[in-house]
Protein backbone atom coordinates (compact mmCIF):
# COMPACT_ATOMS: atom_id res chain seq x y z
CA MET A 1 -83.63 20.61 24.21
CA ASN A 2 -83.34 17.76 21.68
CA GLN A 3 -83.37 14.25 23.07
CA GLY A 4 -79.85 12.82 23.19
CA VAL A 5 -78.09 16.20 23.54
CA HIS A 6 -77.19 17.02 27.13
CA SER A 7 -76.00 20.16 28.82
CA SER A 8 -73.91 19.82 31.95
CA VAL A 9 -74.15 22.11 34.96
CA SER A 10 -71.30 24.22 33.55
CA GLY A 11 -73.39 24.91 30.44
CA ALA A 12 -71.15 22.97 28.06
CA LEU A 13 -72.94 21.09 25.29
CA GLN A 14 -72.42 17.32 25.51
CA ILE A 15 -73.21 15.19 22.44
CA PRO A 16 -73.54 11.46 23.17
CA ILE A 17 -71.47 8.99 21.16
CA THR A 18 -72.12 5.27 20.72
CA GLY A 19 -70.49 2.84 18.34
CA TYR A 20 -67.57 0.46 18.34
CA TYR A 21 -63.92 0.17 17.52
CA PHE A 22 -62.45 -2.80 15.78
CA TYR A 23 -59.53 -4.64 17.39
CA GLU A 24 -57.87 -6.19 14.32
CA VAL A 25 -55.44 -8.46 16.19
CA LYS A 26 -58.31 -10.31 17.88
CA ASP A 27 -60.92 -9.74 15.11
CA VAL A 28 -63.37 -8.24 17.64
CA LYS A 29 -65.79 -5.29 17.59
CA ILE A 30 -65.69 -3.52 20.96
CA PRO A 31 -68.71 -1.31 21.83
CA ILE A 32 -68.00 2.25 23.01
CA GLU A 33 -70.07 4.98 24.62
CA GLY A 34 -69.23 8.50 25.64
CA SER A 35 -69.66 12.13 24.69
CA CYS A 36 -68.16 15.01 22.73
CA ASN A 37 -68.42 18.69 23.52
CA GLY A 38 -68.71 21.52 21.01
CA ALA A 39 -64.94 22.15 21.12
CA GLY A 40 -64.05 18.68 19.77
CA ASP A 41 -63.04 17.15 23.12
CA ILE A 42 -64.18 13.55 23.32
CA SER A 43 -64.31 10.99 26.10
CA PHE A 44 -65.58 7.46 25.78
CA ARG A 45 -65.19 4.09 27.41
CA SER A 46 -65.59 0.49 26.46
CA ARG A 47 -66.03 -2.69 28.42
CA THR A 48 -63.81 -5.59 27.45
CA SER A 49 -63.20 -9.00 28.97
CA GLY A 50 -60.38 -7.36 30.96
CA GLY A 51 -62.55 -4.56 32.38
CA TYR A 52 -63.16 -0.96 31.32
CA GLU A 53 -60.95 1.05 28.98
CA THR A 54 -61.19 4.81 28.50
CA PHE A 55 -60.21 7.05 25.61
CA GLU A 56 -59.87 10.80 26.11
CA GLY A 57 -58.69 13.17 23.44
CA GLN A 58 -59.59 15.72 20.82
CA PHE A 59 -60.57 15.76 17.16
CA SER A 60 -58.41 17.82 14.81
CA GLY A 61 -57.94 18.49 11.11
CA SER A 62 -59.99 20.56 8.73
CA MET A 63 -62.83 17.99 8.69
CA LEU A 64 -62.23 16.67 12.23
CA GLU A 65 -60.88 13.47 10.69
CA ASP A 66 -58.09 12.84 13.22
CA PHE A 67 -58.47 11.90 16.88
CA SER A 68 -55.62 11.67 19.37
CA GLY A 69 -55.31 11.47 23.13
CA THR A 70 -54.78 8.98 25.94
CA TRP A 71 -56.03 5.41 26.34
CA SER A 72 -56.19 3.86 29.81
CA ASN A 73 -57.28 0.53 31.25
CA GLY A 74 -56.80 1.54 34.89
CA LYS A 75 -53.30 0.04 35.01
CA LYS A 76 -51.67 1.44 31.87
CA ARG A 77 -51.89 4.78 30.07
CA LEU A 78 -50.79 5.11 26.46
CA ARG A 79 -50.96 7.88 23.87
CA PHE A 80 -52.91 7.07 20.70
CA SER A 81 -53.66 8.67 17.36
CA LEU A 82 -56.47 7.64 15.01
CA ASN A 83 -56.52 8.91 11.46
CA SER A 84 -59.31 8.59 8.91
CA ARG A 85 -58.53 6.74 5.72
CA ASN A 86 -59.42 8.12 2.32
């Protein structure tokens, strides 16, 4: 098995994700970490000054350029949609 690619007990491939998202209103890069499975389902979380936030959703589009799902900070849950820019 390649380092960095994990297989859960159920046998589903889990690909780790690290990076950041940019919060324009506050001009802040927020680090994220999580995983994606082979079906395009993704789950990641970030730690902010207010605690942890989670994003769960799925990639779509012919080049997997769109990502939509649910954001939560433990108190609120909101739908979101991220689209790549050309």
